[in-house]
Amino acid sequence: MTERLDFEFTRVAACRDPKVNNCPEVAINVPGVVAFRDSERPDTVVTMTSDQWTTLTDAVKAGEFDLSA
């Protein structure tokens, strides 16, 4: 069984308005772990290493996951 860690999730700035739902949330308070979840599904948490997070965010910034393409 995987240990349940106490993540402290933060929403992206664009989603801090209480009128906005379904936002990505990220936690970086556990050393060596980045946790990611959807605010509408808070019990489903994806974890990765800091290096994996950097790879993912670099790919997003480079447009590799551009859904409008």
PDB file of N, CA and C in Angstrom:
ATOM      1  N   MET A   1       0.840  -1.182   0.000  1.00  0.00           N
ATOM      2  CA  MET A   1       0.000   0.000   0.000  1.00  0.00           C
ATOM      3  C   MET A   1       0.885   1.246   0.000  1.00  0.00           C
ATOM      4  N   THR A   2       0.527   2.244  -0.790  1.00  0.00           N
ATOM      5  CA  THR A   2       1.290   3.482  -0.876  1.00  0.00           C
ATOM      6  C   THR A   2       0.949   4.383   0.297  1.00  0.00           C
ATOM      7  N   GLU A   3       1.973   4.963   0.883  1.00  0.00           N
ATOM      8  CA  GLU A   3       1.775   5.889   1.992  1.00  0.00           C
ATOM      9  C   GLU A   3       1.064   7.148   1.504  1.00  0.00           C
ATOM     10  N   ARG A   4       0.096   7.614   2.249  1.00  0.00           N
ATOM     11  CA  ARG A   4      -0.633   8.843   1.905  1.00  0.00           C
ATOM     12  C   ARG A   4       0.144  10.023   2.463  1.00  0.00           C
ATOM     13  N   LEU A   5       0.625  10.882   1.601  1.00  0.00           N
ATOM     14  CA  LEU A   5       1.395  12.040   2.025  1.00  0.00           C
ATOM     15  C   LEU A   5       0.475  13.237   2.208  1.00  0.00           C
ATOM     16  N   ASP A   6       0.879  14.157   3.048  1.00  0.00           N
ATOM     17  CA  ASP A   6       0.080  15.355   3.303  1.00  0.00           C
ATOM     18  C   ASP A   6       0.484  16.472   2.352  1.00  0.00           C
ATOM     19  N   PHE A   7      -0.110  16.456   1.179  1.00  0.00           N
ATOM     20  CA  PHE A   7       0.185  17.476   0.184  1.00  0.00           C
ATOM     21  C   PHE A   7      -0.588  18.750   0.491  1.00  0.00           C
ATOM     22  N   GLU A   8       0.046  19.878   0.240  1.00  0.00           N
ATOM     23  CA  GLU A   8      -0.593  21.189   0.374  1.00  0.00           C
ATOM     24  C   GLU A   8      -0.756  21.742  -1.037  1.00  0.00           C
ATOM     25  N   PHE A   9      -1.943  21.564  -1.596  1.00  0.00           N
ATOM     26  CA  PHE A   9      -2.199  21.942  -2.984  1.00  0.00           C
ATOM     27  C   PHE A   9      -2.484  23.431  -3.123  1.00  0.00           C
ATOM     28  N   THR A  10      -2.012  23.971  -4.249  1.00  0.00           N
ATOM     29  CA  THR A  10      -2.237  25.367  -4.606  1.00  0.00           C
ATOM     30  C   THR A  10      -2.802  25.402  -6.016  1.00  0.00           C
ATOM     31  N   ARG A  11      -3.769  26.274  -6.224  1.00  0.00           N
ATOM     32  CA  ARG A  11      -4.328  26.457  -7.570  1.00  0.00           C
ATOM     33  C   ARG A  11      -3.507  27.471  -8.335  1.00  0.00           C
ATOM     34  N   VAL A  12      -3.532  27.352  -9.654  1.00  0.00           N
ATOM     35  CA  VAL A  12      -2.876  28.350 -10.486  1.00  0.00           C
ATOM     36  C   VAL A  12      -3.594  29.682 -10.291  1.00  0.00           C
ATOM     37  N   ALA A  13      -2.906  30.784 -10.513  1.00  0.00           N
ATOM     38  CA  ALA A  13      -3.452  32.122 -10.250  1.00  0.00           C
ATOM     39  C   ALA A  13      -4.774  32.363 -10.964  1.00  0.00           C
ATOM     40  N   ALA A  14      -4.918  31.889 -12.184  1.00  0.00           N
ATOM     41  CA  ALA A  14      -6.144  32.118 -12.952  1.00  0.00           C
ATOM     42  C   ALA A  14      -7.355  31.437 -12.322  1.00  0.00           C
ATOM     43  N   CYS A  15      -7.138  30.485 -11.446  1.00  0.00           N
ATOM     44  CA  CYS A  15      -8.237  29.723 -10.849  1.00  0.00           C
ATOM     45  C   CYS A  15      -8.523  30.101  -9.399  1.00  0.00           C
ATOM     46  N   ARG A  16      -7.900  31.099  -8.883  1.00  0.00           N
ATOM     47  CA  ARG A  16      -8.120  31.459  -7.487  1.00  0.00           C
ATOM     48  C   ARG A  16      -9.425  32.217  -7.268  1.00  0.00           C
ATOM     49  N   ASP A  17     -10.079  32.606  -8.355  1.00  0.00           N
ATOM     50  CA  ASP A  17     -11.391  33.234  -8.267  1.00  0.00           C
ATOM     51  C   ASP A  17     -12.401  32.150  -7.890  1.00  0.00           C
ATOM     52  N   PRO A  18     -13.190  32.341  -6.838  1.00  0.00           N
ATOM     53  CA  PRO A  18     -14.133  31.300  -6.415  1.00  0.00           C
ATOM     54  C   PRO A  18     -15.184  30.929  -7.462  1.00  0.00           C
ATOM     55  N   LYS A  19     -15.362  31.757  -8.474  1.00  0.00           N
ATOM     56  CA  LYS A  19     -16.330  31.468  -9.542  1.00  0.00           C
ATOM     57  C   LYS A  19     -15.793  30.443 -10.541  1.00  0.00           C
ATOM     58  N   VAL A  20     -14.491  30.195 -10.513  1.00  0.00           N
ATOM     59  CA  VAL A  20     -13.859  29.281 -11.469  1.00  0.00           C
ATOM     60  C   VAL A  20     -13.767  27.891 -10.843  1.00  0.00           C
ATOM     61  N   ASN A  21     -14.240  26.894 -11.575  1.00  0.00           N
ATOM     62  CA  ASN A  21     -14.169  25.502 -11.110  1.00  0.00           C
ATOM     63  C   ASN A  21     -13.246  24.704 -12.012  1.00  0.00           C
ATOM     64  N   ASN A  22     -13.004  23.469 -11.627  1.00  0.00           N
ATOM     65  CA  ASN A  22     -12.230  22.540 -12.436  1.00  0.00           C
ATOM     66  C   ASN A  22     -10.845  23.075 -12.778  1.00  0.00           C
ATOM     67  N   CYS A  23     -10.045  23.273 -11.774  1.00  0.00           N
ATOM     68  CA  CYS A  23      -8.715  23.843 -11.956  1.00  0.00           C
ATOM     69  C   CYS A  23      -7.614  22.852 -11.596  1.00  0.00           C
ATOM     70  N   PRO A  24      -6.476  22.962 -12.274  1.00  0.00           N
ATOM     71  CA  PRO A  24      -5.346  22.145 -11.861  1.00  0.00           C
ATOM     72  C   PRO A  24      -4.778  22.671 -10.549  1.00  0.00           C
ATOM     73  N   GLU A  25      -4.342  21.755  -9.705  1.00  0.00           N
ATOM     74  CA  GLU A  25      -3.731  22.105  -8.431  1.00  0.00           C
ATOM     75  C   GLU A  25      -2.409  21.352  -8.310  1.00  0.00           C
ATOM     76  N   VAL A  26      -1.399  22.016  -7.761  1.00  0.00           N
ATOM     77  CA  VAL A  26      -0.067  21.443  -7.637  1.00  0.00           C
ATOM     78  C   VAL A  26       0.406  21.583  -6.198  1.00  0.00           C
ATOM     79  N   ALA A  27       1.101  20.555  -5.721  1.00  0.00           N
ATOM     80  CA  ALA A  27       1.712  20.601  -4.391  1.00  0.00           C
ATOM     81  C   ALA A  27       3.198  20.300  -4.528  1.00  0.00           C
ATOM     82  N   ILE A  28       4.015  21.141  -3.916  1.00  0.00           N
ATOM     83  CA  ILE A  28       5.470  20.928  -3.943  1.00  0.00           C
ATOM     84  C   ILE A  28       6.059  20.930  -2.532  1.00  0.00           C
ATOM     85  N   ASN A  29       5.215  20.729  -1.525  1.00  0.00           N
ATOM     86  CA  ASN A  29       5.681  20.808  -0.139  1.00  0.00           C
ATOM     87  C   ASN A  29       6.366  19.537   0.363  1.00  0.00           C
ATOM     88  N   VAL A  30       6.265  18.424  -0.365  1.00  0.00           N
ATOM     89  CA  VAL A  30       6.937  17.190   0.034  1.00  0.00           C
ATOM     90  C   VAL A  30       8.250  17.102  -0.753  1.00  0.00           C
ATOM     91  N   PRO A  31       9.387  17.096  -0.078  1.00  0.00           N
ATOM     92  CA  PRO A  31      10.675  17.095  -0.779  1.00  0.00           C
ATOM     93  C   PRO A  31      10.803  15.956  -1.801  1.00  0.00           C
ATOM     94  N   GLY A  32      11.214  16.331  -3.009  1.00  0.00           N
ATOM     95  CA  GLY A  32      11.451  15.363  -4.074  1.00  0.00           C
ATOM     96  C   GLY A  32      10.215  14.892  -4.808  1.00  0.00           C
ATOM     97  N   VAL A  33       9.030  15.399  -4.419  1.00  0.00           N
ATOM     98  CA  VAL A  33       7.784  14.963  -5.035  1.00  0.00           C
ATOM     99  C   VAL A  33       6.971  16.163  -5.482  1.00  0.00           C
ATOM    100  N   VAL A  34       6.446  16.087  -6.697  1.00  0.00           N
ATOM    101  CA  VAL A  34       5.478  17.072  -7.175  1.00  0.00           C
ATOM    102  C   VAL A  34       4.171  16.308  -7.331  1.00  0.00           C
ATOM    103  N   ALA A  35       3.109  16.840  -6.746  1.00  0.00           N
ATOM    104  CA  ALA A  35       1.792  16.207  -6.838  1.00  0.00           C
ATOM    105  C   ALA A  35       0.874  17.112  -7.643  1.00  0.00           C
ATOM    106  N   PHE A  36       0.020  16.491  -8.435  1.00  0.00           N
ATOM    107  CA  PHE A  36      -0.854  17.211  -9.355  1.00  0.00           C
ATOM    108  C   PHE A  36      -2.236  16.592  -9.268  1.00  0.00           C
ATOM    109  N   ARG A  37      -3.282  17.435  -9.274  1.00  0.00           N
ATOM    110  CA  ARG A  37      -4.650  16.916  -9.264  1.00  0.00           C
ATOM    111  C   ARG A  37      -5.601  17.913  -9.915  1.00  0.00           C
ATOM    112  N   ASP A  38      -6.785  17.431 -10.216  1.00  0.00           N
ATOM    113  CA  ASP A  38      -7.875  18.247 -10.743  1.00  0.00           C
ATOM    114  C   ASP A  38      -8.763  18.603  -9.555  1.00  0.00           C
ATOM    115  N   SER A  39      -9.130  19.869  -9.419  1.00  0.00           N
ATOM    116  CA  SER A  39      -9.927  20.298  -8.266  1.00  0.00           C
ATOM    117  C   SER A  39     -11.279  19.595  -8.187  1.00  0.00           C
ATOM    118  N   GLU A  40     -11.793  19.104  -9.313  1.00  0.00           N
ATOM    119  CA  GLU A  40     -13.066  18.376  -9.291  1.00  0.00           C
ATOM    120  C   GLU A  40     -12.900  16.911  -8.902  1.00  0.00           C
ATOM    121  N   ARG A  41     -11.663  16.426  -8.885  1.00  0.00           N
ATOM    122  CA  ARG A  41     -11.369  15.044  -8.487  1.00  0.00           C
ATOM    123  C   ARG A  41     -10.209  15.038  -7.491  1.00  0.00           C
ATOM    124  N   PRO A  42     -10.404  15.627  -6.331  1.00  0.00           N
ATOM    125  CA  PRO A  42      -9.290  15.795  -5.393  1.00  0.00           C
ATOM    126  C   PRO A  42      -8.707  14.504  -4.837  1.00  0.00           C
ATOM    127  N   ASP A  43      -9.418  13.385  -4.961  1.00  0.00           N
ATOM    128  CA  ASP A  43      -8.888  12.125  -4.455  1.00  0.00           C
ATOM    129  C   ASP A  43      -7.957  11.422  -5.439  1.00  0.00           C
ATOM    130  N   THR A  44      -7.913  11.906  -6.684  1.00  0.00           N
ATOM    131  CA  THR A  44      -7.023  11.334  -7.694  1.00  0.00           C
ATOM    132  C   THR A  44      -5.799  12.232  -7.808  1.00  0.00           C
ATOM    133  N   VAL A  45      -4.676  11.742  -7.302  1.00  0.00           N
ATOM    134  CA  VAL A  45      -3.446  12.530  -7.264  1.00  0.00           C
ATOM    135  C   VAL A  45      -2.374  11.826  -8.086  1.00  0.00           C
ATOM    136  N   VAL A  46      -1.751  12.566  -8.976  1.00  0.00           N
ATOM    137  CA  VAL A  46      -0.629  12.061  -9.770  1.00  0.00           C
ATOM    138  C   VAL A  46       0.645  12.634  -9.154  1.00  0.00           C
ATOM    139  N   THR A  47       1.617  11.771  -8.903  1.00  0.00           N
ATOM    140  CA  THR A  47       2.882  12.250  -8.357  1.00  0.00           C
ATOM    141  C   THR A  47       4.006  11.968  -9.340  1.00  0.00           C
ATOM    142  N   MET A  48       5.027  12.787  -9.267  1.00  0.00           N
ATOM    143  CA  MET A  48       6.210  12.630 -10.104  1.00  0.00           C
ATOM    144  C   MET A  48       7.397  13.265  -9.400  1.00  0.00           C
ATOM    145  N   THR A  49       8.582  12.984  -9.913  1.00  0.00           N
ATOM    146  CA  THR A  49       9.784  13.605  -9.363  1.00  0.00           C
ATOM    147  C   THR A  49       9.887  15.041  -9.873  1.00  0.00           C
ATOM    148  N   SER A  50      10.750  15.803  -9.262  1.00  0.00           N
ATOM    149  CA  SER A  50      10.980  17.179  -9.714  1.00  0.00           C
ATOM    150  C   SER A  50      11.499  17.198 -11.153  1.00  0.00           C
ATOM    151  N   ASP A  51      12.373  16.251 -11.500  1.00  0.00           N
ATOM    152  CA  ASP A  51      12.894  16.181 -12.870  1.00  0.00           C
ATOM    153  C   ASP A  51      11.784  15.855 -13.873  1.00  0.00           C
ATOM    154  N   GLN A  52      10.895  14.940 -13.504  1.00  0.00           N
ATOM    155  CA  GLN A  52       9.769  14.613 -14.390  1.00  0.00           C
ATOM    156  C   GLN A  52       8.850  15.820 -14.563  1.00  0.00           C
ATOM    157  N   TRP A  53       8.632  16.569 -13.490  1.00  0.00           N
ATOM    158  CA  TRP A  53       7.801  17.779 -13.563  1.00  0.00           C
ATOM    159  C   TRP A  53       8.428  18.794 -14.518  1.00  0.00           C
ATOM    160  N   THR A  54       9.738  18.967 -14.423  1.00  0.00           N
ATOM    161  CA  THR A  54      10.438  19.896 -15.306  1.00  0.00           C
ATOM    162  C   THR A  54      10.301  19.465 -16.763  1.00  0.00           C
ATOM    163  N   THR A  55      10.444  18.179 -17.021  1.00  0.00           N
ATOM    164  CA  THR A  55      10.280  17.657 -18.383  1.00  0.00           C
ATOM    165  C   THR A  55       8.866  17.925 -18.895  1.00  0.00           C
ATOM    166  N   LEU A  56       7.871  17.670 -18.063  1.00  0.00           N
ATOM    167  CA  LEU A  56       6.486  17.900 -18.453  1.00  0.00           C
ATOM    168  C   LEU A  56       6.215  19.373 -18.737  1.00  0.00           C
ATOM    169  N   THR A  57       6.600  20.252 -17.827  1.00  0.00           N
ATOM    170  CA  THR A  57       6.310  21.674 -18.019  1.00  0.00           C
ATOM    171  C   THR A  57       7.085  22.246 -19.200  1.00  0.00           C
ATOM    172  N   ASP A  58       8.297  21.784 -19.429  1.00  0.00           N
ATOM    173  CA  ASP A  58       9.044  22.230 -20.608  1.00  0.00           C
ATOM    174  C   ASP A  58       8.325  21.821 -21.896  1.00  0.00           C
ATOM    175  N   ALA A  59       7.782  20.601 -21.915  1.00  0.00           N
ATOM    176  CA  ALA A  59       7.064  20.120 -23.097  1.00  0.00           C
ATOM    177  C   ALA A  59       5.788  20.925 -23.319  1.00  0.00           C
ATOM    178  N   VAL A  60       5.087  21.253 -22.244  1.00  0.00           N
ATOM    179  CA  VAL A  60       3.871  22.066 -22.371  1.00  0.00           C
ATOM    180  C   VAL A  60       4.231  23.447 -22.911  1.00  0.00           C
ATOM    181  N   LYS A  61       5.268  24.054 -22.362  1.00  0.00           N
ATOM    182  CA  LYS A  61       5.695  25.383 -22.823  1.00  0.00           C
ATOM    183  C   LYS A  61       6.117  25.367 -24.285  1.00  0.00           C
ATOM    184  N   ALA A  62       6.676  24.244 -24.734  1.00  0.00           N
ATOM    185  CA  ALA A  62       7.135  24.132 -26.121  1.00  0.00           C
ATOM    186  C   ALA A  62       5.999  23.808 -27.087  1.00  0.00           C
ATOM    187  N   GLY A  63       4.787  23.602 -26.564  1.00  0.00           N
ATOM    188  CA  GLY A  63       3.645  23.347 -27.428  1.00  0.00           C
ATOM    189  C   GLY A  63       3.431  21.888 -27.806  1.00  0.00           C
ATOM    190  N   GLU A  64       4.133  20.974 -27.151  1.00  0.00           N
ATOM    191  CA  GLU A  64       3.996  19.558 -27.501  1.00  0.00           C
ATOM    192  C   GLU A  64       2.589  19.017 -27.237  1.00  0.00           C
ATOM    193  N   PHE A  65       1.855  19.654 -26.365  1.00  0.00           N
ATOM    194  CA  PHE A  65       0.510  19.190 -26.037  1.00  0.00           C
ATOM    195  C   PHE A  65      -0.543  20.214 -26.431  1.00  0.00           C
ATOM    196  N   ASP A  66      -0.281  20.958 -27.480  1.00  0.00           N
ATOM    197  CA  ASP A  66      -1.200  21.981 -27.954  1.00  0.00           C
ATOM    198  C   ASP A  66      -2.413  21.314 -28.603  1.00  0.00           C
ATOM    199  N   LEU A  67      -3.557  21.410 -27.950  1.00  0.00           N
ATOM    200  CA  LEU A  67      -4.766  20.760 -28.439  1.00  0.00           C
ATOM    201  C   LEU A  67      -5.399  21.489 -29.616  1.00  0.00           C
ATOM    202  N   SER A  68      -4.968  22.706 -29.870  1.00  0.00           N
ATOM    203  CA  SER A  68      -5.554  23.462 -30.985  1.00  0.00           C
ATOM    204  C   SER A  68      -4.853  23.182 -32.300  1.00  0.00           C
ATOM    205  N   ALA A  69      -3.778  22.447 -32.243  1.00  0.00           N
ATOM    206  CA  ALA A  69      -3.004  22.160 -33.461  1.00  0.00           C
ATOM    207  C   ALA A  69      -3.672  21.128 -34.328  1.00  0.00           C
TER     208      ALA A  69
END
